[in-house]
Amino acid sequence: MRFMSLVKGAENQGTPPQALMEAMGELIEKSMKAGVLIDTGGLAPSAMSTRVRLSGGRYTVVDGPFAETKELVGGYAIMELNSREEAIEAAKEFLDLHTAHWPEWVGECEVRQIFSPND
């Protein structure tokens, strides 16, 4: 089963500590070697982003930053796991790194199964 984990948090929490980045690098390397992690990445801040909206057949294009946004997706991971429970445990393991290396960080991981055309 394939899952996507979306990391969400307030955009104004500052730069992640170097220790957190190193710990995430180790977890990413371990998970990729185990064949669990398919892909991962951090996302640019909203100031470098654009929203394209469709309403009533018309497009609206808005460049960031987006003042009304309280939380943004800051990164993602695509994982191949055996169950939803394993995906939840993987998200907890990732969030534990934040507890250890950036305890004041507030955020969440949203875990969603990815469906293929055969599902």
PDB file of N, CA and C in Angstrom:
ATOM      1  N   MET A   1       0.847  -1.171   0.000  1.00  0.00           N
ATOM      2  CA  MET A   1       0.000   0.000   0.000  1.00  0.00           C
ATOM      3  C   MET A   1       0.895   1.238   0.000  1.00  0.00           C
ATOM      4  N   ARG A   2       0.515   2.191  -0.787  1.00  0.00           N
ATOM      5  CA  ARG A   2       1.291   3.413  -0.883  1.00  0.00           C
ATOM      6  C   ARG A   2       0.580   4.523  -0.121  1.00  0.00           C
ATOM      7  N   PHE A   3       1.356   5.302   0.630  1.00  0.00           N
ATOM      8  CA  PHE A   3       0.819   6.398   1.431  1.00  0.00           C
ATOM      9  C   PHE A   3       1.614   7.662   1.179  1.00  0.00           C
ATOM     10  N   MET A   4       0.927   8.806   1.330  1.00  0.00           N
ATOM     11  CA  MET A   4       1.597  10.099   1.317  1.00  0.00           C
ATOM     12  C   MET A   4       1.412  10.727   2.688  1.00  0.00           C
ATOM     13  N   SER A   5       2.497  11.185   3.243  1.00  0.00           N
ATOM     14  CA  SER A   5       2.468  11.913   4.505  1.00  0.00           C
ATOM     15  C   SER A   5       2.751  13.371   4.188  1.00  0.00           C
ATOM     16  N   LEU A   6       1.839  14.244   4.590  1.00  0.00           N
ATOM     17  CA  LEU A   6       1.972  15.677   4.361  1.00  0.00           C
ATOM     18  C   LEU A   6       2.286  16.356   5.690  1.00  0.00           C
ATOM     19  N   VAL A   7       3.405  17.047   5.743  1.00  0.00           N
ATOM     20  CA  VAL A   7       3.821  17.728   6.967  1.00  0.00           C
ATOM     21  C   VAL A   7       3.273  19.148   6.916  1.00  0.00           C
ATOM     22  N   LYS A   8       2.489  19.494   7.925  1.00  0.00           N
ATOM     23  CA  LYS A   8       1.855  20.813   7.968  1.00  0.00           C
ATOM     24  C   LYS A   8       2.278  21.554   9.221  1.00  0.00           C
ATOM     25  N   GLY A   9       2.439  22.856   9.077  1.00  0.00           N
ATOM     26  CA  GLY A   9       2.766  23.692  10.220  1.00  0.00           C
ATOM     27  C   GLY A   9       2.666  25.152   9.846  1.00  0.00           C
ATOM     28  N   ALA A  10       2.757  26.004  10.835  1.00  0.00           N
ATOM     29  CA  ALA A  10       2.749  27.440  10.590  1.00  0.00           C
ATOM     30  C   ALA A  10       4.031  27.822   9.852  1.00  0.00           C
ATOM     31  N   GLU A  11       3.889  28.698   8.905  1.00  0.00           N
ATOM     32  CA  GLU A  11       5.038  29.073   8.080  1.00  0.00           C
ATOM     33  C   GLU A  11       6.049  29.933   8.828  1.00  0.00           C
ATOM     34  N   ASN A  12       5.629  30.604   9.873  1.00  0.00           N
ATOM     35  CA  ASN A  12       6.495  31.567  10.565  1.00  0.00           C
ATOM     36  C   ASN A  12       7.202  30.991  11.788  1.00  0.00           C
ATOM     37  N   GLN A  13       7.446  29.682  11.823  1.00  0.00           N
ATOM     38  CA  GLN A  13       8.094  29.075  12.983  1.00  0.00           C
ATOM     39  C   GLN A  13       9.615  29.163  12.934  1.00  0.00           C
ATOM     40  N   GLY A  14      10.139  29.683  11.852  1.00  0.00           N
ATOM     41  CA  GLY A  14      11.578  29.854  11.764  1.00  0.00           C
ATOM     42  C   GLY A  14      12.259  28.732  11.010  1.00  0.00           C
ATOM     43  N   THR A  15      13.576  28.819  10.961  1.00  0.00           N
ATOM     44  CA  THR A  15      14.397  27.833  10.263  1.00  0.00           C
ATOM     45  C   THR A  15      14.587  26.606  11.149  1.00  0.00           C
ATOM     46  N   PRO A  16      14.396  25.416  10.583  1.00  0.00           N
ATOM     47  CA  PRO A  16      14.604  24.201  11.385  1.00  0.00           C
ATOM     48  C   PRO A  16      16.043  24.114  11.886  1.00  0.00           C
ATOM     49  N   PRO A  17      16.243  23.637  13.104  1.00  0.00           N
ATOM     50  CA  PRO A  17      17.604  23.471  13.635  1.00  0.00           C
ATOM     51  C   PRO A  17      18.407  22.475  12.790  1.00  0.00           C
ATOM     52  N   GLN A  18      19.699  22.701  12.708  1.00  0.00           N
ATOM     53  CA  GLN A  18      20.580  21.819  11.947  1.00  0.00           C
ATOM     54  C   GLN A  18      20.505  20.375  12.452  1.00  0.00           C
ATOM     55  N   ALA A  19      20.383  20.201  13.758  1.00  0.00           N
ATOM     56  CA  ALA A  19      20.295  18.850  14.324  1.00  0.00           C
ATOM     57  C   ALA A  19      19.064  18.118  13.797  1.00  0.00           C
ATOM     58  N   LEU A  20      17.963  18.830  13.614  1.00  0.00           N
ATOM     59  CA  LEU A  20      16.755  18.212  13.061  1.00  0.00           C
ATOM     60  C   LEU A  20      16.990  17.812  11.613  1.00  0.00           C
ATOM     61  N   MET A  21      17.595  18.681  10.851  1.00  0.00           N
ATOM     62  CA  MET A  21      17.863  18.379   9.437  1.00  0.00           C
ATOM     63  C   MET A  21      18.761  17.146   9.311  1.00  0.00           C
ATOM     64  N   GLU A  22      19.765  17.045  10.170  1.00  0.00           N
ATOM     65  CA  GLU A  22      20.660  15.879  10.151  1.00  0.00           C
ATOM     66  C   GLU A  22      19.919  14.605  10.542  1.00  0.00           C
ATOM     67  N   ALA A  23      19.072  14.699  11.569  1.00  0.00           N
ATOM     68  CA  ALA A  23      18.305  13.526  12.005  1.00  0.00           C
ATOM     69  C   ALA A  23      17.324  13.094  10.914  1.00  0.00           C
ATOM     70  N   MET A  24      16.702  14.051  10.239  1.00  0.00           N
ATOM     71  CA  MET A  24      15.794  13.704   9.139  1.00  0.00           C
ATOM     72  C   MET A  24      16.574  13.053   8.004  1.00  0.00           C
ATOM     73  N   GLY A  25      17.766  13.558   7.726  1.00  0.00           N
ATOM     74  CA  GLY A  25      18.605  12.956   6.688  1.00  0.00           C
ATOM     75  C   GLY A  25      18.919  11.499   6.987  1.00  0.00           C
ATOM     76  N   GLU A  26      19.215  11.207   8.241  1.00  0.00           N
ATOM     77  CA  GLU A  26      19.500   9.823   8.644  1.00  0.00           C
ATOM     78  C   GLU A  26      18.264   8.943   8.496  1.00  0.00           C
ATOM     79  N   LEU A  27      17.104   9.450   8.926  1.00  0.00           N
ATOM     80  CA  LEU A  27      15.860   8.683   8.806  1.00  0.00           C
ATOM     81  C   LEU A  27      15.513   8.450   7.336  1.00  0.00           C
ATOM     82  N   ILE A  28      15.686   9.455   6.511  1.00  0.00           N
ATOM     83  CA  ILE A  28      15.407   9.330   5.077  1.00  0.00           C
ATOM     84  C   ILE A  28      16.310   8.267   4.457  1.00  0.00           C
ATOM     85  N   GLU A  29      17.599   8.330   4.766  1.00  0.00           N
ATOM     86  CA  GLU A  29      18.547   7.355   4.213  1.00  0.00           C
ATOM     87  C   GLU A  29      18.192   5.934   4.646  1.00  0.00           C
ATOM     88  N   LYS A  30      17.906   5.749   5.926  1.00  0.00           N
ATOM     89  CA  LYS A  30      17.531   4.432   6.456  1.00  0.00           C
ATOM     90  C   LYS A  30      16.256   3.918   5.775  1.00  0.00           C
ATOM     91  N   SER A  31      15.259   4.784   5.636  1.00  0.00           N
ATOM     92  CA  SER A  31      13.977   4.380   5.054  1.00  0.00           C
ATOM     93  C   SER A  31      14.092   4.082   3.564  1.00  0.00           C
ATOM     94  N   MET A  32      14.935   4.816   2.865  1.00  0.00           N
ATOM     95  CA  MET A  32      15.129   4.551   1.438  1.00  0.00           C
ATOM     96  C   MET A  32      15.852   3.216   1.237  1.00  0.00           C
ATOM     97  N   LYS A  33      16.874   2.958   2.051  1.00  0.00           N
ATOM     98  CA  LYS A  33      17.602   1.689   1.952  1.00  0.00           C
ATOM     99  C   LYS A  33      16.687   0.505   2.249  1.00  0.00           C
ATOM    100  N   ALA A  34      15.729   0.698   3.150  1.00  0.00           N
ATOM    101  CA  ALA A  34      14.791  -0.368   3.512  1.00  0.00           C
ATOM    102  C   ALA A  34      13.691  -0.543   2.461  1.00  0.00           C
ATOM    103  N   GLY A  35      13.625   0.379   1.494  1.00  0.00           N
ATOM    104  CA  GLY A  35      12.610   0.294   0.452  1.00  0.00           C
ATOM    105  C   GLY A  35      11.241   0.795   0.872  1.00  0.00           C
ATOM    106  N   VAL A  36      11.185   1.450   2.018  1.00  0.00           N
ATOM    107  CA  VAL A  36       9.925   1.973   2.545  1.00  0.00           C
ATOM    108  C   VAL A  36       9.618   3.358   1.982  1.00  0.00           C
ATOM    109  N   LEU A  37      10.629   4.188   1.887  1.00  0.00           N
ATOM    110  CA  LEU A  37      10.455   5.556   1.418  1.00  0.00           C
ATOM    111  C   LEU A  37      10.700   5.610  -0.082  1.00  0.00           C
ATOM    112  N   ILE A  38       9.703   6.069  -0.813  1.00  0.00           N
ATOM    113  CA  ILE A  38       9.775   6.165  -2.271  1.00  0.00           C
ATOM    114  C   ILE A  38      10.315   7.531  -2.689  1.00  0.00           C
ATOM    115  N   ASP A  39       9.790   8.578  -2.057  1.00  0.00           N
ATOM    116  CA  ASP A  39      10.191   9.942  -2.406  1.00  0.00           C
ATOM    117  C   ASP A  39       9.875  10.857  -1.234  1.00  0.00           C
ATOM    118  N   THR A  40      10.614  11.945  -1.122  1.00  0.00           N
ATOM    119  CA  THR A  40      10.373  12.932  -0.071  1.00  0.00           C
ATOM    120  C   THR A  40      10.889  14.284  -0.543  1.00  0.00           C
ATOM    121  N   GLY A  41      10.376  15.330   0.066  1.00  0.00           N
ATOM    122  CA  GLY A  41      10.860  16.652  -0.283  1.00  0.00           C
ATOM    123  C   GLY A  41      10.244  17.732   0.579  1.00  0.00           C
ATOM    124  N   GLY A  42      10.974  18.813   0.692  1.00  0.00           N
ATOM    125  CA  GLY A  42      10.463  20.007   1.348  1.00  0.00           C
ATOM    126  C   GLY A  42       9.900  20.939   0.285  1.00  0.00           C
ATOM    127  N   LEU A  43       8.951  21.763   0.672  1.00  0.00           N
ATOM    128  CA  LEU A  43       8.301  22.659  -0.276  1.00  0.00           C
ATOM    129  C   LEU A  43       8.678  24.105  -0.001  1.00  0.00           C
ATOM    130  N   ALA A  44       8.717  24.898  -1.058  1.00  0.00           N
ATOM    131  CA  ALA A  44       9.075  26.313  -0.957  1.00  0.00           C
ATOM    132  C   ALA A  44       8.042  27.056  -0.114  1.00  0.00           C
ATOM    133  N   PRO A  45       8.440  28.161   0.499  1.00  0.00           N
ATOM    134  CA  PRO A  45       7.487  28.956   1.282  1.00  0.00           C
ATOM    135  C   PRO A  45       6.428  29.590   0.377  1.00  0.00           C
ATOM    136  N   SER A  46       5.349  30.029   0.995  1.00  0.00           N
ATOM    137  CA  SER A  46       4.244  30.591   0.213  1.00  0.00           C
ATOM    138  C   SER A  46       4.658  31.842  -0.565  1.00  0.00           C
ATOM    139  N   ALA A  47       5.671  32.552  -0.106  1.00  0.00           N
ATOM    140  CA  ALA A  47       6.135  33.742  -0.834  1.00  0.00           C
ATOM    141  C   ALA A  47       6.653  33.382  -2.221  1.00  0.00           C
ATOM    142  N   MET A  48       7.024  32.121  -2.420  1.00  0.00           N
ATOM    143  CA  MET A  48       7.538  31.665  -3.712  1.00  0.00           C
ATOM    144  C   MET A  48       6.503  30.806  -4.446  1.00  0.00           C
ATOM    145  N   SER A  49       5.254  30.852  -3.994  1.00  0.00           N
ATOM    146  CA  SER A  49       4.218  29.971  -4.520  1.00  0.00           C
ATOM    147  C   SER A  49       3.132  30.743  -5.254  1.00  0.00           C
ATOM    148  N   THR A  50       2.331  30.014  -6.015  1.00  0.00           N
ATOM    149  CA  THR A  50       1.211  30.581  -6.763  1.00  0.00           C
ATOM    150  C   THR A  50       0.021  29.655  -6.625  1.00  0.00           C
ATOM    151  N   ARG A  51      -1.149  30.230  -6.445  1.00  0.00           N
ATOM    152  CA  ARG A  51      -2.395  29.462  -6.426  1.00  0.00           C
ATOM    153  C   ARG A  51      -3.154  29.741  -7.708  1.00  0.00           C
ATOM    154  N   VAL A  52      -3.636  28.673  -8.326  1.00  0.00           N
ATOM    155  CA  VAL A  52      -4.466  28.780  -9.520  1.00  0.00           C
ATOM    156  C   VAL A  52      -5.834  28.236  -9.129  1.00  0.00           C
ATOM    157  N   ARG A  53      -6.854  29.068  -9.178  1.00  0.00           N
ATOM    158  CA  ARG A  53      -8.204  28.698  -8.740  1.00  0.00           C
ATOM    159  C   ARG A  53      -9.148  28.723  -9.935  1.00  0.00           C
ATOM    160  N   LEU A  54     -10.036  27.737  -9.970  1.00  0.00           N
ATOM    161  CA  LEU A  54     -11.071  27.659 -10.994  1.00  0.00           C
ATOM    162  C   LEU A  54     -12.417  27.819 -10.317  1.00  0.00           C
ATOM    163  N   SER A  55     -13.189  28.794 -10.766  1.00  0.00           N
ATOM    164  CA  SER A  55     -14.530  29.033 -10.229  1.00  0.00           C
ATOM    165  C   SER A  55     -15.387  29.617 -11.332  1.00  0.00           C
ATOM    166  N   GLY A  56     -16.517  28.994 -11.575  1.00  0.00           N
ATOM    167  CA  GLY A  56     -17.417  29.498 -12.616  1.00  0.00           C
ATOM    168  C   GLY A  56     -16.782  29.512 -13.992  1.00  0.00           C
ATOM    169  N   GLY A  57     -15.873  28.585 -14.245  1.00  0.00           N
ATOM    170  CA  GLY A  57     -15.220  28.515 -15.546  1.00  0.00           C
ATOM    171  C   GLY A  57     -14.109  29.528 -15.749  1.00  0.00           C
ATOM    172  N   ARG A  58     -13.777  30.286 -14.710  1.00  0.00           N
ATOM    173  CA  ARG A  58     -12.722  31.310 -14.814  1.00  0.00           C
ATOM    174  C   ARG A  58     -11.581  30.994 -13.857  1.00  0.00           C
ATOM    175  N   TYR A  59     -10.394  31.273 -14.327  1.00  0.00           N
ATOM    176  CA  TYR A  59      -9.204  31.071 -13.515  1.00  0.00           C
ATOM    177  C   TYR A  59      -8.807  32.357 -12.814  1.00  0.00           C
ATOM    178  N   THR A  60      -8.350  32.204 -11.591  1.00  0.00           N
ATOM    179  CA  THR A  60      -7.738  33.297 -10.848  1.00  0.00           C
ATOM    180  C   THR A  60      -6.357  32.817 -10.436  1.00  0.00           C
ATOM    181  N   VAL A  61      -5.354  33.626 -10.708  1.00  0.00           N
ATOM    182  CA  VAL A  61      -3.982  33.294 -10.351  1.00  0.00           C
ATOM    183  C   VAL A  61      -3.516  34.294  -9.301  1.00  0.00           C
ATOM    184  N   VAL A  62      -3.087  33.759  -8.139  1.00  0.00           N
ATOM    185  CA  VAL A  62      -2.647  34.610  -7.033  1.00  0.00           C
ATOM    186  C   VAL A  62      -1.257  34.174  -6.603  1.00  0.00           C
ATOM    187  N   ASP A  63      -0.334  35.120  -6.589  1.00  0.00           N
ATOM    188  CA  ASP A  63       1.016  34.851  -6.108  1.00  0.00           C
ATOM    189  C   ASP A  63       1.066  35.014  -4.595  1.00  0.00           C
ATOM    190  N   GLY A  64       1.897  34.199  -3.952  1.00  0.00           N
ATOM    191  CA  GLY A  64       2.062  34.266  -2.509  1.00  0.00           C
ATOM    192  C   GLY A  64       2.919  35.440  -2.107  1.00  0.00           C
ATOM    193  N   PRO A  65       3.035  35.696  -0.829  1.00  0.00           N
ATOM    194  CA  PRO A  65       2.529  34.877   0.266  1.00  0.00           C
ATOM    195  C   PRO A  65       1.017  35.028   0.425  1.00  0.00           C
ATOM    196  N   PHE A  66       0.415  34.047   1.074  1.00  0.00           N
ATOM    197  CA  PHE A  66      -1.025  34.002   1.229  1.00  0.00           C
ATOM    198  C   PHE A  66      -1.380  34.373   2.664  1.00  0.00           C
ATOM    199  N   ALA A  67      -1.862  35.587   2.852  1.00  0.00           N
ATOM    200  CA  ALA A  67      -2.102  36.139   4.187  1.00  0.00           C
ATOM    201  C   ALA A  67      -3.114  35.329   4.993  1.00  0.00           C
ATOM    202  N   GLU A  68      -4.110  34.753   4.332  1.00  0.00           N
ATOM    203  CA  GLU A  68      -5.164  34.044   5.066  1.00  0.00           C
ATOM    204  C   GLU A  68      -4.766  32.628   5.487  1.00  0.00           C
ATOM    205  N   THR A  69      -3.602  32.166   5.076  1.00  0.00           N
ATOM    206  CA  THR A  69      -3.175  30.806   5.383  1.00  0.00           C
ATOM    207  C   THR A  69      -2.594  30.723   6.788  1.00  0.00           C
ATOM    208  N   LYS A  70      -3.135  29.803   7.605  1.00  0.00           N
ATOM    209  CA  LYS A  70      -2.605  29.593   8.949  1.00  0.00           C
ATOM    210  C   LYS A  70      -1.576  28.475   8.954  1.00  0.00           C
ATOM    211  N   GLU A  71      -1.824  27.418   8.190  1.00  0.00           N
ATOM    212  CA  GLU A  71      -0.901  26.299   8.073  1.00  0.00           C
ATOM    213  C   GLU A  71      -0.664  25.985   6.613  1.00  0.00           C
ATOM    214  N   LEU A  72       0.552  25.588   6.306  1.00  0.00           N
ATOM    215  CA  LEU A  72       0.905  25.189   4.951  1.00  0.00           C
ATOM    216  C   LEU A  72       1.537  23.812   4.971  1.00  0.00           C
ATOM    217  N   VAL A  73       1.442  23.126   3.843  1.00  0.00           N
ATOM    218  CA  VAL A  73       2.183  21.879   3.685  1.00  0.00           C
ATOM    219  C   VAL A  73       3.635  22.276   3.458  1.00  0.00           C
ATOM    220  N   GLY A  74       4.506  21.824   4.331  1.00  0.00           N
ATOM    221  CA  GLY A  74       5.911  22.177   4.240  1.00  0.00           C
ATOM    222  C   GLY A  74       6.772  21.094   3.615  1.00  0.00           C
ATOM    223  N   GLY A  75       6.220  19.898   3.519  1.00  0.00           N
ATOM    224  CA  GLY A  75       6.963  18.795   2.943  1.00  0.00           C
ATOM    225  C   GLY A  75       6.081  17.575   2.797  1.00  0.00           C
ATOM    226  N   TYR A  76       6.634  16.561   2.163  1.00  0.00           N
ATOM    227  CA  TYR A  76       5.869  15.341   1.923  1.00  0.00           C
ATOM    228  C   TYR A  76       6.802  14.141   1.907  1.00  0.00           C
ATOM    229  N   ALA A  77       6.207  12.976   2.078  1.00  0.00           N
ATOM    230  CA  ALA A  77       6.916  11.710   1.919  1.00  0.00           C
ATOM    231  C   ALA A  77       5.945  10.717   1.305  1.00  0.00           C
ATOM    232  N   ILE A  78       6.420   9.949   0.342  1.00  0.00           N
ATOM    233  CA  ILE A  78       5.636   8.871  -0.242  1.00  0.00           C
ATOM    234  C   ILE A  78       6.277   7.572   0.207  1.00  0.00           C
ATOM    235  N   MET A  79       5.465   6.715   0.840  1.00  0.00           N
ATOM    236  CA  MET A  79       5.983   5.493   1.447  1.00  0.00           C
ATOM    237  C   MET A  79       5.208   4.277   0.958  1.00  0.00           C
ATOM    238  N   GLU A  80       5.908   3.164   0.853  1.00  0.00           N
ATOM    239  CA  GLU A  80       5.304   1.872   0.523  1.00  0.00           C
ATOM    240  C   GLU A  80       5.303   1.047   1.806  1.00  0.00           C
ATOM    241  N   LEU A  81       4.108   0.819   2.347  1.00  0.00           N
ATOM    242  CA  LEU A  81       3.983   0.124   3.629  1.00  0.00           C
ATOM    243  C   LEU A  81       2.885  -0.928   3.540  1.00  0.00           C
ATOM    244  N   ASN A  82       2.809  -1.773   4.552  1.00  0.00           N
ATOM    245  CA  ASN A  82       1.849  -2.874   4.537  1.00  0.00           C
ATOM    246  C   ASN A  82       0.471  -2.506   5.067  1.00  0.00           C
ATOM    247  N   SER A  83       0.382  -1.391   5.811  1.00  0.00           N
ATOM    248  CA  SER A  83      -0.900  -1.055   6.416  1.00  0.00           C
ATOM    249  C   SER A  83      -0.960   0.422   6.792  1.00  0.00           C
ATOM    250  N   ARG A  84      -2.174   0.861   7.066  1.00  0.00           N
ATOM    251  CA  ARG A  84      -2.397   2.220   7.556  1.00  0.00           C
ATOM    252  C   ARG A  84      -1.683   2.412   8.893  1.00  0.00           C
ATOM    253  N   GLU A  85      -1.701   1.376   9.737  1.00  0.00           N
ATOM    254  CA  GLU A  85      -1.055   1.454  11.038  1.00  0.00           C
ATOM    255  C   GLU A  85       0.450   1.686  10.896  1.00  0.00           C
ATOM    256  N   GLU A  86       1.087   1.035   9.932  1.00  0.00           N
ATOM    257  CA  GLU A  86       2.518   1.265   9.687  1.00  0.00           C
ATOM    258  C   GLU A  86       2.758   2.694   9.229  1.00  0.00           C
ATOM    259  N   ALA A  87       1.859   3.230   8.416  1.00  0.00           N
ATOM    260  CA  ALA A  87       1.995   4.613   7.946  1.00  0.00           C
ATOM    261  C   ALA A  87       1.880   5.592   9.109  1.00  0.00           C
ATOM    262  N   ILE A  88       0.981   5.319  10.022  1.00  0.00           N
ATOM    263  CA  ILE A  88       0.825   6.176  11.205  1.00  0.00           C
ATOM    264  C   ILE A  88       2.083   6.106  12.067  1.00  0.00           C
ATOM    265  N   GLU A  89       2.638   4.925  12.245  1.00  0.00           N
ATOM    266  CA  GLU A  89       3.869   4.774  13.029  1.00  0.00           C
ATOM    267  C   GLU A  89       5.034   5.510  12.374  1.00  0.00           C
ATOM    268  N   ALA A  90       5.106   5.476  11.038  1.00  0.00           N
ATOM    269  CA  ALA A  90       6.161   6.211  10.322  1.00  0.00           C
ATOM    270  C   ALA A  90       6.008   7.709  10.544  1.00  0.00           C
ATOM    271  N   ALA A  91       4.781   8.204  10.535  1.00  0.00           N
ATOM    272  CA  ALA A  91       4.543   9.637  10.792  1.00  0.00           C
ATOM    273  C   ALA A  91       4.950   9.998  12.212  1.00  0.00           C
ATOM    274  N   LYS A  92       4.630   9.142  13.165  1.00  0.00           N
ATOM    275  CA  LYS A  92       5.022   9.395  14.558  1.00  0.00           C
ATOM    276  C   LYS A  92       6.541   9.418  14.703  1.00  0.00           C
ATOM    277  N   GLU A  93       7.222   8.498  14.028  1.00  0.00           N
ATOM    278  CA  GLU A  93       8.685   8.463  14.087  1.00  0.00           C
ATOM    279  C   GLU A  93       9.274   9.766  13.563  1.00  0.00           C
ATOM    280  N   PHE A  94       8.705  10.279  12.465  1.00  0.00           N
ATOM    281  CA  PHE A  94       9.155  11.548  11.902  1.00  0.00           C
ATOM    282  C   PHE A  94       8.881  12.698  12.875  1.00  0.00           C
ATOM    283  N   LEU A  95       7.684  12.732  13.454  1.00  0.00           N
ATOM    284  CA  LEU A  95       7.353  13.810  14.391  1.00  0.00           C
ATOM    285  C   LEU A  95       8.189  13.729  15.668  1.00  0.00           C
ATOM    286  N   ASP A  96       8.578  12.518  16.063  1.00  0.00           N
ATOM    287  CA  ASP A  96       9.456  12.366  17.236  1.00  0.00           C
ATOM    288  C   ASP A  96      10.781  13.102  17.046  1.00  0.00           C
ATOM    289  N   LEU A  97      11.259  13.161  15.803  1.00  0.00           N
ATOM    290  CA  LEU A  97      12.493  13.912  15.526  1.00  0.00           C
ATOM    291  C   LEU A  97      12.297  15.391  15.862  1.00  0.00           C
ATOM    292  N   HIS A  98      11.110  15.913  15.576  1.00  0.00           N
ATOM    293  CA  HIS A  98      10.826  17.313  15.902  1.00  0.00           C
ATOM    294  C   HIS A  98      10.796  17.517  17.416  1.00  0.00           C
ATOM    295  N   THR A  99      10.182  16.573  18.134  1.00  0.00           N
ATOM    296  CA  THR A  99      10.146  16.665  19.594  1.00  0.00           C
ATOM    297  C   THR A  99      11.562  16.700  20.164  1.00  0.00           C
ATOM    298  N   ALA A 100      12.434  15.880  19.612  1.00  0.00           N
ATOM    299  CA  ALA A 100      13.807  15.788  20.120  1.00  0.00           C
ATOM    300  C   ALA A 100      14.665  16.990  19.742  1.00  0.00           C
ATOM    301  N   HIS A 101      14.476  17.527  18.527  1.00  0.00           N
ATOM    302  CA  HIS A 101      15.405  18.537  18.014  1.00  0.00           C
ATOM    303  C   HIS A 101      14.813  19.933  17.828  1.00  0.00           C
ATOM    304  N   TRP A 102      13.485  20.059  17.917  1.00  0.00           N
ATOM    305  CA  TRP A 102      12.827  21.363  17.765  1.00  0.00           C
ATOM    306  C   TRP A 102      11.546  21.340  18.590  1.00  0.00           C
ATOM    307  N   PRO A 103      11.674  21.218  19.919  1.00  0.00           N
ATOM    308  CA  PRO A 103      10.516  20.980  20.783  1.00  0.00           C
ATOM    309  C   PRO A 103       9.437  22.054  20.716  1.00  0.00           C
ATOM    310  N   GLU A 104       9.770  23.257  20.327  1.00  0.00           N
ATOM    311  CA  GLU A 104       8.765  24.319  20.264  1.00  0.00           C
ATOM    312  C   GLU A 104       7.951  24.293  18.960  1.00  0.00           C
ATOM    313  N   TRP A 105       8.357  23.455  18.002  1.00  0.00           N
ATOM    314  CA  TRP A 105       7.642  23.345  16.727  1.00  0.00           C
ATOM    315  C   TRP A 105       6.245  22.777  16.960  1.00  0.00           C
ATOM    316  N   VAL A 106       5.264  23.335  16.264  1.00  0.00           N
ATOM    317  CA  VAL A 106       3.893  22.844  16.331  1.00  0.00           C
ATOM    318  C   VAL A 106       3.455  22.493  14.922  1.00  0.00           C
ATOM    319  N   GLY A 107       2.982  21.280  14.730  1.00  0.00           N
ATOM    320  CA  GLY A 107       2.536  20.878  13.409  1.00  0.00           C
ATOM    321  C   GLY A 107       1.957  19.482  13.428  1.00  0.00           C
ATOM    322  N   GLU A 108       1.748  18.955  12.238  1.00  0.00           N
ATOM    323  CA  GLU A 108       1.145  17.637  12.124  1.00  0.00           C
ATOM    324  C   GLU A 108       1.570  16.963  10.829  1.00  0.00           C
ATOM    325  N   CYS A 109       1.387  15.662  10.789  1.00  0.00           N
ATOM    326  CA  CYS A 109       1.540  14.885   9.561  1.00  0.00           C
ATOM    327  C   CYS A 109       0.170  14.327   9.206  1.00  0.00           C
ATOM    328  N   GLU A 110      -0.291  14.652   8.044  1.00  0.00           N
ATOM    329  CA  GLU A 110      -1.530  14.065   7.540  1.00  0.00           C
ATOM    330  C   GLU A 110      -1.137  12.862   6.688  1.00  0.00           C
ATOM    331  N   VAL A 111      -1.667  11.697   7.019  1.00  0.00           N
ATOM    332  CA  VAL A 111      -1.331  10.455   6.309  1.00  0.00           C
ATOM    333  C   VAL A 111      -2.512  10.061   5.442  1.00  0.00           C
ATOM    334  N   ARG A 112      -2.259   9.930   4.135  1.00  0.00           N
ATOM    335  CA  ARG A 112      -3.334   9.577   3.203  1.00  0.00           C
ATOM    336  C   ARG A 112      -2.869   8.455   2.280  1.00  0.00           C
ATOM    337  N   GLN A 113      -3.736   7.487   2.092  1.00  0.00           N
ATOM    338  CA  GLN A 113      -3.417   6.405   1.169  1.00  0.00           C
ATOM    339  C   GLN A 113      -3.515   6.923  -0.250  1.00  0.00           C
ATOM    340  N   ILE A 114      -2.591   6.462  -1.103  1.00  0.00           N
ATOM    341  CA  ILE A 114      -2.599   6.808  -2.514  1.00  0.00           C
ATOM    342  C   ILE A 114      -3.249   5.646  -3.256  1.00  0.00           C
ATOM    343  N   PHE A 115      -4.287   5.932  -3.994  1.00  0.00           N
ATOM    344  CA  PHE A 115      -4.968   4.901  -4.769  1.00  0.00           C
ATOM    345  C   PHE A 115      -4.409   4.856  -6.177  1.00  0.00           C
ATOM    346  N   SER A 116      -4.234   3.671  -6.681  1.00  0.00           N
ATOM    347  CA  SER A 116      -3.785   3.484  -8.066  1.00  0.00           C
ATOM    348  C   SER A 116      -5.005   3.161  -8.918  1.00  0.00           C
ATOM    349  N   PRO A 117      -4.860   3.169 -10.240  1.00  0.00           N
ATOM    350  CA  PRO A 117      -5.996   2.838 -11.102  1.00  0.00           C
ATOM    351  C   PRO A 117      -6.572   1.452 -10.841  1.00  0.00           C
ATOM    352  N   ASN A 118      -5.798   0.549 -10.241  1.00  0.00           N
ATOM    353  CA  ASN A 118      -6.255  -0.816  -9.963  1.00  0.00           C
ATOM    354  C   ASN A 118      -7.012  -0.942  -8.650  1.00  0.00           C
ATOM    355  N   ASP A 119      -7.031   0.133  -7.838  1.00  0.00           N
ATOM    356  CA  ASP A 119      -7.720   0.064  -6.529  1.00  0.00           C
ATOM    357  C   ASP A 119      -9.209   0.261  -6.658  1.00  0.00           C
TER     358      ASP A 119
END
